[in-house]
């Protein structure tokens, strides 16, 4: 005998109960106290503040591509010894823009050397953290990003 109410046999497409992700909850439980401690202590020394912020951004913030001029070598905001103790990593906060010209500020770490100070960067950012970046030619930077950056640096 056929089911008199076929709708009851189908899954409810409007049901939006998401199953919580326990790994994400554990990450929040571990990262938030560390992030707040770094903020309260004026940024952890030795690069820990940058590392915690970057980890938080990678887990919780969406990826976005932005463009920026390469920072000048001596404009780093902090530096710290690399993991081997043989070199120094340099942290830069750069003004960037998206392809549509929306402004963004991104933190980049140059590992083992200072930034070159010339050229343009294409940056894969998560929140305010630059995860990957590469040097590109000026003609590869979207026009809206160039215009936004020129307007933001004008006196």
C-alpha atoms as a PDB file:
ATOM      1  CA  UNK A   1       0.000   0.000   0.000  1.00  0.00           C
ATOM      2  CA  UNK A   2       1.459   3.385  -1.010  1.00  0.00           C
ATOM      3  CA  UNK A   3       2.234   5.998   1.631  1.00  0.00           C
ATOM      4  CA  UNK A   4      -0.788   8.360   1.851  1.00  0.00           C
ATOM      5  CA  UNK A   5       1.471  11.338   2.703  1.00  0.00           C
ATOM      6  CA  UNK A   6       4.585  11.228   0.483  1.00  0.00           C
ATOM      7  CA  UNK A   7       5.961  14.437   2.083  1.00  0.00           C
ATOM      8  CA  UNK A   8       6.422  12.583   5.372  1.00  0.00           C
ATOM      9  CA  UNK A   9       8.689  10.071   3.672  1.00  0.00           C
ATOM     10  CA  UNK A  10      11.074  12.756   2.418  1.00  0.00           C
ATOM     11  CA  UNK A  11      13.829  14.362   4.432  1.00  0.00           C
ATOM     12  CA  UNK A  12      12.999  17.836   5.683  1.00  0.00           C
ATOM     13  CA  UNK A  13      14.997  20.146   3.389  1.00  0.00           C
ATOM     14  CA  UNK A  14      14.406  23.135   5.705  1.00  0.00           C
ATOM     15  CA  UNK A  15      16.062  21.463   8.673  1.00  0.00           C
ATOM     16  CA  UNK A  16      19.246  23.410   9.370  1.00  0.00           C
ATOM     17  CA  UNK A  17      20.497  21.708  12.493  1.00  0.00           C
ATOM     18  CA  UNK A  18      24.256  21.643  12.048  1.00  0.00           C
ATOM     19  CA  UNK A  19      26.302  19.151  13.927  1.00  0.00           C
ATOM     20  CA  UNK A  20      28.836  21.099  16.019  1.00  0.00           C
ATOM     21  CA  UNK A  21      32.464  20.500  15.168  1.00  0.00           C
ATOM     22  CA  UNK A  22      34.231  19.431  18.396  1.00  0.00           C
ATOM     23  CA  UNK A  23      37.674  20.196  16.942  1.00  0.00           C
ATOM     24  CA  UNK A  24      36.650  23.798  16.294  1.00  0.00           C
ATOM     25  CA  UNK A  25      35.337  24.157  19.844  1.00  0.00           C
ATOM     26  CA  UNK A  26      38.623  22.803  21.223  1.00  0.00           C
ATOM     27  CA  UNK A  27      40.569  25.241  19.049  1.00  0.00           C
ATOM     28  CA  UNK A  28      38.487  28.148  20.360  1.00  0.00           C
ATOM     29  CA  UNK A  29      38.927  26.958  23.927  1.00  0.00           C
ATOM     30  CA  UNK A  30      42.704  26.932  23.469  1.00  0.00           C
ATOM     31  CA  UNK A  31      43.176  30.010  21.293  1.00  0.00           C
ATOM     32  CA  UNK A  32      40.918  32.577  22.910  1.00  0.00           C
ATOM     33  CA  UNK A  33      42.650  32.669  26.316  1.00  0.00           C
ATOM     34  CA  UNK A  34      46.054  32.917  24.621  1.00  0.00           C
ATOM     35  CA  UNK A  35      44.845  35.661  22.299  1.00  0.00           C
ATOM     36  CA  UNK A  36      43.337  37.676  25.159  1.00  0.00           C
ATOM     37  CA  UNK A  37      46.481  37.230  27.245  1.00  0.00           C
ATOM     38  CA  UNK A  38      48.604  38.546  24.374  1.00  0.00           C
ATOM     39  CA  UNK A  39      46.329  41.553  23.937  1.00  0.00           C
ATOM     40  CA  UNK A  40      46.369  42.303  27.650  1.00  0.00           C
ATOM     41  CA  UNK A  41      50.131  41.957  27.851  1.00  0.00           C
ATOM     42  CA  UNK A  42      50.683  44.404  24.953  1.00  0.00           C
ATOM     43  CA  UNK A  43      51.474  41.671  22.491  1.00  0.00           C
ATOM     44  CA  UNK A  44      53.529  38.677  23.425  1.00  0.00           C
ATOM     45  CA  UNK A  45      57.248  39.030  22.893  1.00  0.00           C
ATOM     46  CA  UNK A  46      59.321  36.746  20.769  1.00  0.00           C
ATOM     47  CA  UNK A  47      56.755  36.566  17.980  1.00  0.00           C
ATOM     48  CA  UNK A  48      54.133  34.699  20.032  1.00  0.00           C
ATOM     49  CA  UNK A  49      51.512  37.435  19.564  1.00  0.00           C
ATOM     50  CA  UNK A  50      51.914  37.282  15.796  1.00  0.00           C
ATOM     51  CA  UNK A  51      51.805  33.474  15.844  1.00  0.00           C
ATOM     52  CA  UNK A  52      48.650  33.298  17.975  1.00  0.00           C
ATOM     53  CA  UNK A  53      46.875  35.950  15.869  1.00  0.00           C
ATOM     54  CA  UNK A  54      47.869  34.160  12.662  1.00  0.00           C
ATOM     55  CA  UNK A  55      46.650  30.811  13.961  1.00  0.00           C
ATOM     56  CA  UNK A  56      43.341  32.348  15.045  1.00  0.00           C
ATOM     57  CA  UNK A  57      42.914  34.024  11.627  1.00  0.00           C
ATOM     58  CA  UNK A  58      43.723  30.804   9.744  1.00  0.00           C
ATOM     59  CA  UNK A  59      41.121  28.843  11.706  1.00  0.00           C
ATOM     60  CA  UNK A  60      38.274  31.351  11.846  1.00  0.00           C
ATOM     61  CA  UNK A  61      38.673  33.954   9.098  1.00  0.00           C
ATOM     62  CA  UNK A  62      37.930  33.505   5.391  1.00  0.00           C
ATOM     63  CA  UNK A  63      40.679  33.654   2.790  1.00  0.00           C
ATOM     64  CA  UNK A  64      40.938  36.791   0.692  1.00  0.00           C
ATOM     65  CA  UNK A  65      43.484  37.925  -1.884  1.00  0.00           C
ATOM     66  CA  UNK A  66      44.831  41.438  -1.392  1.00  0.00           C
ATOM     67  CA  UNK A  67      47.604  43.474  -2.986  1.00  0.00           C
ATOM     68  CA  UNK A  68      50.120  45.844  -1.413  1.00  0.00           C
ATOM     69  CA  UNK A  69      53.350  47.642  -2.132  1.00  0.00           C
ATOM     70  CA  UNK A  70      56.330  45.828  -0.629  1.00  0.00           C
ATOM     71  CA  UNK A  71      57.174  47.485   2.704  1.00  0.00           C
ATOM     72  CA  UNK A  72      60.403  49.428   3.176  1.00  0.00           C
ATOM     73  CA  UNK A  73      63.062  47.302   4.921  1.00  0.00           C
ATOM     74  CA  UNK A  74      63.242  49.331   8.154  1.00  0.00           C
ATOM     75  CA  UNK A  75      59.485  49.821   8.657  1.00  0.00           C
ATOM     76  CA  UNK A  76      59.013  46.541  10.535  1.00  0.00           C
ATOM     77  CA  UNK A  77      56.895  46.763  13.691  1.00  0.00           C
ATOM     78  CA  UNK A  78      58.719  44.042  15.601  1.00  0.00           C
ATOM     79  CA  UNK A  79      61.376  41.401  15.146  1.00  0.00           C
ATOM     80  CA  UNK A  80      62.225  38.168  16.891  1.00  0.00           C
ATOM     81  CA  UNK A  81      64.778  35.384  16.685  1.00  0.00           C
ATOM     82  CA  UNK A  82      63.801  32.546  14.393  1.00  0.00           C
ATOM     83  CA  UNK A  83      63.281  29.053  15.781  1.00  0.00           C
ATOM     84  CA  UNK A  84      66.937  28.116  15.255  1.00  0.00           C
ATOM     85  CA  UNK A  85      68.239  31.263  16.927  1.00  0.00           C
ATOM     86  CA  UNK A  86      70.521  31.834  13.933  1.00  0.00           C
ATOM     87  CA  UNK A  87      68.428  34.520  12.229  1.00  0.00           C
ATOM     88  CA  UNK A  88      65.802  37.178  12.741  1.00  0.00           C
ATOM     89  CA  UNK A  89      62.210  37.344  11.517  1.00  0.00           C
ATOM     90  CA  UNK A  90      60.679  40.755  10.767  1.00  0.00           C
ATOM     91  CA  UNK A  91      57.000  41.635  11.196  1.00  0.00           C
ATOM     92  CA  UNK A  92      55.403  44.268   8.942  1.00  0.00           C
ATOM     93  CA  UNK A  93      51.908  45.741   8.979  1.00  0.00           C
ATOM     94  CA  UNK A  94      51.053  46.790   5.442  1.00  0.00           C
ATOM     95  CA  UNK A  95      48.182  48.698   3.930  1.00  0.00           C
ATOM     96  CA  UNK A  96      46.586  46.529   1.264  1.00  0.00           C
ATOM     97  CA  UNK A  97      43.488  46.516  -0.919  1.00  0.00           C
ATOM     98  CA  UNK A  98      41.229  43.914  -2.483  1.00  0.00           C
ATOM     99  CA  UNK A  99      40.512  43.610  -6.213  1.00  0.00           C
ATOM    100  CA  UNK A 100      37.480  45.891  -5.763  1.00  0.00           C
ATOM    101  CA  UNK A 101      39.528  48.513  -3.878  1.00  0.00           C
ATOM    102  CA  UNK A 102      38.371  47.729  -0.339  1.00  0.00           C
ATOM    103  CA  UNK A 103      41.116  48.605   2.148  1.00  0.00           C
ATOM    104  CA  UNK A 104      42.757  46.016   4.404  1.00  0.00           C
ATOM    105  CA  UNK A 105      45.640  45.965   6.848  1.00  0.00           C
ATOM    106  CA  UNK A 106      47.685  42.779   6.799  1.00  0.00           C
ATOM    107  CA  UNK A 107      50.506  41.499   8.994  1.00  0.00           C
ATOM    108  CA  UNK A 108      53.363  39.857   7.099  1.00  0.00           C
ATOM    109  CA  UNK A 109      56.421  38.088   8.470  1.00  0.00           C
ATOM    110  CA  UNK A 110      59.677  38.095   6.513  1.00  0.00           C
ATOM    111  CA  UNK A 111      61.588  35.053   7.682  1.00  0.00           C
ATOM    112  CA  UNK A 112      65.330  35.501   8.031  1.00  0.00           C
ATOM    113  CA  UNK A 113      65.616  38.874   6.319  1.00  0.00           C
ATOM    114  CA  UNK A 114      64.025  42.289   5.988  1.00  0.00           C
ATOM    115  CA  UNK A 115      61.519  43.109   3.242  1.00  0.00           C
ATOM    116  CA  UNK A 116      63.106  44.224  -0.049  1.00  0.00           C
ATOM    117  CA  UNK A 117      61.174  47.508  -0.184  1.00  0.00           C
ATOM    118  CA  UNK A 118      60.398  47.489  -3.875  1.00  0.00           C
ATOM    119  CA  UNK A 119      57.734  46.002  -6.084  1.00  0.00           C
ATOM    120  CA  UNK A 120      54.244  44.742  -5.358  1.00  0.00           C
ATOM    121  CA  UNK A 121      52.893  41.816  -3.391  1.00  0.00           C
ATOM    122  CA  UNK A 122      49.955  39.521  -3.994  1.00  0.00           C
ATOM    123  CA  UNK A 123      48.907  38.280  -0.551  1.00  0.00           C
ATOM    124  CA  UNK A 124      46.681  35.390   0.493  1.00  0.00           C
ATOM    125  CA  UNK A 125      45.268  36.740   3.739  1.00  0.00           C
ATOM    126  CA  UNK A 126      43.063  35.242   6.414  1.00  0.00           C
ATOM    127  CA  UNK A 127      41.664  38.128   8.438  1.00  0.00           C
ATOM    128  CA  UNK A 128      44.585  40.424   9.209  1.00  0.00           C
ATOM    129  CA  UNK A 129      47.257  37.775   8.680  1.00  0.00           C
ATOM    130  CA  UNK A 130      49.162  37.346   5.450  1.00  0.00           C
ATOM    131  CA  UNK A 131      49.518  33.597   5.047  1.00  0.00           C
ATOM    132  CA  UNK A 132      51.312  33.477   1.689  1.00  0.00           C
ATOM    133  CA  UNK A 133      52.669  36.293  -0.418  1.00  0.00           C
ATOM    134  CA  UNK A 134      54.647  36.651  -3.592  1.00  0.00           C
ATOM    135  CA  UNK A 135      56.256  39.466  -5.539  1.00  0.00           C
ATOM    136  CA  UNK A 136      54.401  40.445  -8.705  1.00  0.00           C
ATOM    137  CA  UNK A 137      54.692  43.072 -11.441  1.00  0.00           C
ATOM    138  CA  UNK A 138      52.720  46.283 -11.104  1.00  0.00           C
ATOM    139  CA  UNK A 139      50.625  45.463 -14.188  1.00  0.00           C
ATOM    140  CA  UNK A 140      49.348  42.350 -12.333  1.00  0.00           C
ATOM    141  CA  UNK A 141      47.818  44.458  -9.532  1.00  0.00           C
ATOM    142  CA  UNK A 142      44.100  45.175 -10.117  1.00  0.00           C
ATOM    143  CA  UNK A 143      43.498  48.823 -11.037  1.00  0.00           C
ATOM    144  CA  UNK A 144      40.984  49.345  -8.179  1.00  0.00           C
ATOM    145  CA  UNK A 145      43.558  48.107  -5.647  1.00  0.00           C
ATOM    146  CA  UNK A 146      46.228  50.442  -7.062  1.00  0.00           C
ATOM    147  CA  UNK A 147      43.863  53.408  -6.948  1.00  0.00           C
ATOM    148  CA  UNK A 148      42.752  52.660  -3.373  1.00  0.00           C
ATOM    149  CA  UNK A 149      46.340  52.354  -2.182  1.00  0.00           C
ATOM    150  CA  UNK A 150      47.383  55.546  -3.984  1.00  0.00           C
ATOM    151  CA  UNK A 151      44.456  57.434  -2.391  1.00  0.00           C
ATOM    152  CA  UNK A 152      45.260  56.099   1.096  1.00  0.00           C
ATOM    153  CA  UNK A 153      48.927  57.159   0.843  1.00  0.00           C
ATOM    154  CA  UNK A 154      48.210  60.630  -0.557  1.00  0.00           C
ATOM    155  CA  UNK A 155      48.831  63.492   1.918  1.00  0.00           C
END
